[in-house]
Amino acid sequence: MIHPTARGFETAAEVYEQARPDYPAEALDWIVETLDLRPGAHVVDVGAGTGKFARQLVARGLRVTGVEPIAEMREVFERAVGAEALEGTAESIPLDDGSADAVTAAQAFHWFDPERALPELKRILRPRGGVALIWNVRDESHALHQAYAEAIRPYKGDAYPAGGGHPAGKPLASPLFTEVKERTFPHVQLMDADGLAARAASVSFIARLPEDERAELLERIRALAPPGTFEFPYVTKVFTGHSR
């Protein structure tokens, strides 16, 4: 089942692809090393979106299958990544038992129901297969992030599922996985005022706003930006583990 707020991505897939950041190379290197992923290893990227993370896995010689419930996101994924994207959710993955060397979820696990998703991730993993969850978390110690967060907060409501699947918690705290590790990496996204507005437009609960209300909010966000090109900083959080 798709969370109602996530339906916003049905209309925001193209702007998501345009406006969202990639992931730091150091984080990818750490995942590949920690999970011992050799060239040709099969990685299933769950909640794959438009393939922002998957294409970085492919660039490292890995064979990637995306799993994504929203058709508009899958369409962009297949165009941008050049790999297959299957219709499915983390709670119901259309792949055989033990068919993956690793599973990943990038900017996605907070949409999952951990009690149902974690056993499903384990099911498709080979014995001792790896799992990696990654998020670009906005750095709200930065003044622009604080202003951006204040602007969008009134629209958030109960946008995301409750539970332990968020980067502020311990999303891999489960007896199904062992050798759980956590790392953080600095990351920045270069953008201008239009890019900042597009970044906001790619947020699911903003994409679902009435058109006039969304346009007014995006103009307010555009006005927050400093002149020219600037850095929008993130803290990239990564959690890894292995199937027991």
Protein backbone atom coordinates (compact mmCIF):
# COMPACT_ATOMS: atom_id res chain seq x y z
CA MET A 1 0.00 0.00 0.00
CA ILE A 2 1.29 3.46 -0.90
CA HIS A 3 1.10 6.10 1.83
CA PRO A 4 -1.39 8.79 0.69
CA THR A 5 1.18 11.59 0.89
CA ALA A 6 3.57 9.65 -1.33
CA ARG A 7 1.00 9.98 -4.10
CA GLY A 8 2.41 13.48 -4.53
CA PHE A 9 5.29 11.89 -6.42
CA GLU A 10 2.88 10.94 -9.19
CA THR A 11 2.95 14.58 -10.33
CA ALA A 12 6.45 15.43 -9.04
CA ALA A 13 8.57 12.70 -10.68
CA GLU A 14 10.22 14.97 -13.25
CA VAL A 15 10.95 17.77 -10.77
CA TYR A 16 12.23 15.16 -8.28
CA GLU A 17 14.71 13.97 -10.90
CA GLN A 18 15.75 17.56 -11.64
CA ALA A 19 15.94 18.95 -8.11
CA ARG A 20 17.01 16.25 -5.68
CA PRO A 21 20.71 15.78 -4.85
CA ASP A 22 22.83 12.74 -5.59
CA TYR A 23 24.75 10.99 -2.80
CA PRO A 24 28.37 11.55 -1.76
CA ALA A 25 30.91 9.29 -3.45
CA GLU A 26 32.47 8.52 -0.06
CA ALA A 27 29.15 7.10 1.15
CA LEU A 28 28.85 4.88 -1.93
CA ASP A 29 32.44 3.69 -1.49
CA TRP A 30 31.78 2.83 2.16
CA ILE A 31 28.62 0.87 1.30
CA VAL A 32 30.36 -1.09 -1.46
CA GLU A 33 33.30 -1.91 0.82
CA THR A 34 31.23 -2.71 3.92
CA LEU A 35 28.86 -5.00 2.03
CA ASP A 36 31.72 -6.49 -0.04
CA LEU A 37 29.95 -5.80 -3.33
CA ARG A 38 32.00 -6.99 -6.28
CA PRO A 39 31.39 -5.94 -9.89
CA GLY A 40 28.30 -7.68 -11.23
CA ALA A 41 26.72 -8.19 -7.80
CA HIS A 42 22.92 -7.94 -7.89
CA VAL A 43 21.57 -5.01 -5.86
CA VAL A 44 17.84 -4.46 -5.43
CA ASP A 45 17.07 -0.78 -4.81
CA VAL A 46 13.70 -0.59 -3.05
CA GLY A 47 11.65 2.59 -3.20
CA ALA A 48 13.96 3.41 -6.08
CA GLY A 49 12.20 6.59 -7.19
CA THR A 50 13.75 8.11 -10.30
CA GLY A 51 17.03 6.26 -9.79
CA LYS A 52 19.11 8.99 -8.14
CA PHE A 53 20.93 6.36 -6.07
CA ALA A 54 20.66 3.42 -8.46
CA ARG A 55 22.67 5.11 -11.21
CA GLN A 56 25.55 5.61 -8.77
CA LEU A 57 25.45 1.89 -7.99
CA VAL A 58 25.46 1.08 -11.71
CA ALA A 59 28.48 3.37 -12.17
CA ARG A 60 30.34 1.11 -9.74
CA GLY A 61 29.75 -1.95 -11.91
CA LEU A 62 26.79 -3.36 -9.97
CA ARG A 63 23.71 -4.94 -11.53
CA VAL A 64 20.69 -3.06 -10.22
CA THR A 65 16.99 -3.85 -10.19
CA GLY A 66 14.69 -1.09 -9.02
CA VAL A 67 11.47 -1.69 -7.10
CA GLU A 68 9.10 1.30 -7.08
CA PRO A 69 5.30 1.50 -6.66
CA ILE A 70 4.69 4.76 -8.55
CA ALA A 71 4.52 4.41 -12.33
CA GLU A 72 5.73 7.94 -13.06
CA MET A 73 8.85 7.36 -10.97
CA ARG A 74 9.53 4.00 -12.64
CA GLU A 75 9.30 5.61 -16.06
CA VAL A 76 12.00 8.15 -15.16
CA PHE A 77 14.10 5.44 -13.48
CA GLU A 78 14.22 3.25 -16.57
CA ARG A 79 15.05 6.21 -18.80
CA ALA A 80 17.73 7.63 -16.51
CA VAL A 81 19.34 4.45 -15.18
CA GLY A 82 18.92 2.11 -18.13
CA ALA A 83 17.88 -0.71 -15.79
CA GLU A 84 14.63 -2.50 -15.01
CA ALA A 85 12.25 -1.03 -12.45
CA LEU A 86 9.59 -3.42 -11.15
CA GLU A 87 6.25 -2.39 -9.73
CA GLY A 88 6.27 -3.26 -6.06
CA THR A 89 6.65 -2.06 -2.50
CA ALA A 90 9.08 -2.86 0.28
CA GLU A 91 6.36 -4.93 1.91
CA SER A 92 5.76 -6.98 -1.25
CA ILE A 93 8.83 -7.28 -3.48
CA PRO A 94 8.25 -9.17 -6.76
CA LEU A 95 11.51 -11.15 -6.64
CA ASP A 96 12.45 -14.67 -5.62
CA ASP A 97 13.89 -15.70 -2.27
CA GLY A 98 17.67 -15.26 -2.07
CA SER A 99 17.89 -13.46 -5.41
CA ALA A 100 19.81 -10.36 -4.24
CA ASP A 101 23.37 -9.88 -3.02
CA ALA A 102 22.27 -6.65 -1.36
CA VAL A 103 19.22 -4.46 -0.93
CA THR A 104 19.28 -0.68 -0.65
CA ALA A 105 16.78 2.06 0.12
CA ALA A 106 17.73 5.66 -0.60
CA GLN A 107 15.58 8.46 0.80
CA ALA A 108 12.82 5.88 1.05
CA PHE A 109 12.82 3.70 4.17
CA HIS A 110 10.75 6.23 6.15
CA TRP A 111 7.86 5.38 3.80
CA PHE A 112 8.04 1.67 4.68
CA ASP A 113 6.30 -0.33 7.39
CA PRO A 114 9.42 -1.76 9.10
CA GLU A 115 7.59 -4.69 10.69
CA ARG A 116 6.59 -5.94 7.24
CA ALA A 117 9.43 -4.53 5.14
CA LEU A 118 12.44 -5.85 7.06
CA PRO A 119 11.40 -9.53 6.75
CA GLU A 120 10.74 -8.94 3.04
CA LEU A 121 14.19 -7.40 2.54
CA LYS A 122 15.72 -10.39 4.32
CA ARG A 123 13.66 -12.82 2.23
CA ILE A 124 15.11 -11.69 -1.08
CA LEU A 125 18.70 -11.61 0.23
CA ARG A 126 21.12 -14.47 -0.19
CA PRO A 127 22.58 -15.79 3.09
CA ARG A 128 24.73 -13.07 4.68
CA GLY A 129 23.53 -10.59 2.04
CA GLY A 130 23.89 -6.91 2.80
CA VAL A 131 21.44 -4.08 3.37
CA ALA A 132 22.10 -0.34 3.19
CA LEU A 133 19.74 2.52 4.02
CA ILE A 134 20.80 6.04 3.07
CA TRP A 135 19.32 9.51 3.51
CA ASN A 136 20.40 13.02 2.63
CA VAL A 137 19.20 14.83 5.76
CA ARG A 138 18.85 18.59 5.51
CA ASP A 139 21.34 20.32 7.83
CA GLU A 140 19.10 22.58 9.89
CA SER A 141 22.08 24.10 11.72
CA HIS A 142 22.45 26.12 8.50
CA ALA A 143 20.47 29.40 8.39
CA LEU A 144 18.98 28.81 4.94
CA HIS A 145 17.83 25.33 5.94
CA GLN A 146 16.18 26.78 9.03
CA ALA A 147 14.28 29.33 6.94
CA TYR A 148 13.33 26.67 4.36
CA ALA A 149 12.12 24.30 7.08
CA GLU A 150 10.06 27.05 8.70
CA ALA A 151 8.42 27.86 5.35
CA ILE A 152 7.32 24.29 4.60
CA ARG A 153 6.55 23.09 8.14
CA PRO A 154 2.91 24.34 8.22
CA TYR A 155 2.12 22.08 5.25
CA LYS A 156 3.69 18.91 6.62
CA GLY A 157 0.92 17.61 8.85
CA ASP A 158 1.15 13.83 9.26
CA ALA A 159 2.95 13.55 5.94
CA TYR A 160 5.11 10.56 6.84
CA PRO A 161 4.28 7.23 8.47
CA ALA A 162 4.97 6.98 12.18
CA GLY A 163 7.37 4.36 13.48
CA GLY A 164 11.03 3.46 13.68
CA GLY A 165 11.93 3.79 10.03
CA HIS A 166 13.43 7.27 10.16
CA PRO A 167 17.10 8.31 10.04
CA ALA A 168 16.89 9.88 13.50
CA GLY A 169 16.30 6.42 14.94
CA LYS A 170 17.79 2.95 14.52
CA PRO A 171 16.00 1.66 11.43
CA LEU A 172 17.98 -1.59 11.22
CA ALA A 173 17.49 -2.47 14.88
CA SER A 174 16.10 -5.94 14.20
CA PRO A 175 17.08 -9.52 15.06
CA LEU A 176 16.93 -10.20 11.31
CA PHE A 177 20.17 -8.28 10.71
CA THR A 178 23.58 -8.28 12.30
CA GLU A 179 26.78 -6.22 12.15
CA VAL A 180 24.71 -3.05 11.95
CA LYS A 181 26.82 0.05 11.39
CA GLU A 182 26.04 3.74 11.05
CA ARG A 183 28.08 6.45 9.35
CA THR A 184 27.55 10.09 8.42
CA PHE A 185 29.08 12.01 5.55
CA PRO A 186 28.99 15.71 4.65
CA HIS A 187 27.36 16.58 1.35
CA VAL A 188 26.36 19.73 -0.51
CA GLN A 189 24.09 20.49 -3.42
CA LEU A 190 24.86 23.48 -5.62
CA MET A 191 21.75 25.40 -6.63
CA ASP A 192 20.25 28.81 -7.32
CA ALA A 193 16.90 30.36 -6.35
CA ASP A 194 15.02 28.40 -9.00
CA GLY A 195 16.72 25.22 -7.81
CA LEU A 196 15.65 25.89 -4.23
CA ALA A 197 12.05 26.33 -5.34
CA ALA A 198 12.28 23.14 -7.40
CA ARG A 199 13.73 21.30 -4.39
CA ALA A 200 10.63 22.30 -2.45
CA ALA A 201 8.32 21.37 -5.35
CA SER A 202 9.77 17.85 -5.26
CA VAL A 203 8.50 17.28 -1.70
CA SER A 204 5.50 14.96 -1.71
CA PHE A 205 3.24 16.99 0.57
CA ILE A 206 4.00 20.21 -1.34
CA ALA A 207 3.29 18.52 -4.68
CA ARG A 208 -0.18 17.68 -3.35
CA LEU A 209 -1.12 21.29 -2.54
CA PRO A 210 -3.67 23.16 -4.66
CA GLU A 211 -1.91 24.85 -7.57
CA ASP A 212 -2.36 28.45 -6.40
CA GLU A 213 -1.27 27.64 -2.83
CA ARG A 214 1.77 25.73 -4.08
CA ALA A 215 2.78 28.56 -6.43
CA GLU A 216 2.59 31.12 -3.61
CA LEU A 217 4.70 28.93 -1.31
CA LEU A 218 7.33 28.33 -4.00
CA GLU A 219 7.65 32.07 -4.61
CA ARG A 220 8.26 32.59 -0.88
CA ILE A 221 10.90 29.88 -0.91
CA ARG A 222 12.55 31.33 -4.00
CA ALA A 223 12.82 34.66 -2.16
CA LEU A 224 14.81 32.99 0.65
CA ALA A 225 17.73 32.20 -1.65
CA PRO A 226 20.90 34.29 -1.71
CA PRO A 227 21.99 35.73 -5.07
CA GLY A 228 23.63 33.48 -7.66
CA THR A 229 24.75 29.91 -7.03
CA PHE A 230 25.05 28.71 -3.44
CA GLU A 231 25.64 25.55 -1.42
CA PHE A 232 22.71 23.72 0.20
CA PRO A 233 24.31 21.41 2.79
CA TYR A 234 23.19 17.97 3.93
CA VAL A 235 24.29 15.34 6.42
CA THR A 236 24.17 12.00 4.62
CA LYS A 237 23.31 9.18 7.02
CA VAL A 238 24.01 5.56 6.13
CA PHE A 239 23.01 2.37 7.97
CA THR A 240 24.36 -1.01 6.88
CA GLY A 241 23.93 -4.57 8.07
CA HIS A 242 23.97 -8.20 7.00
CA SER A 243 21.26 -10.80 6.91
CA ARG A 244 21.55 -13.31 9.76
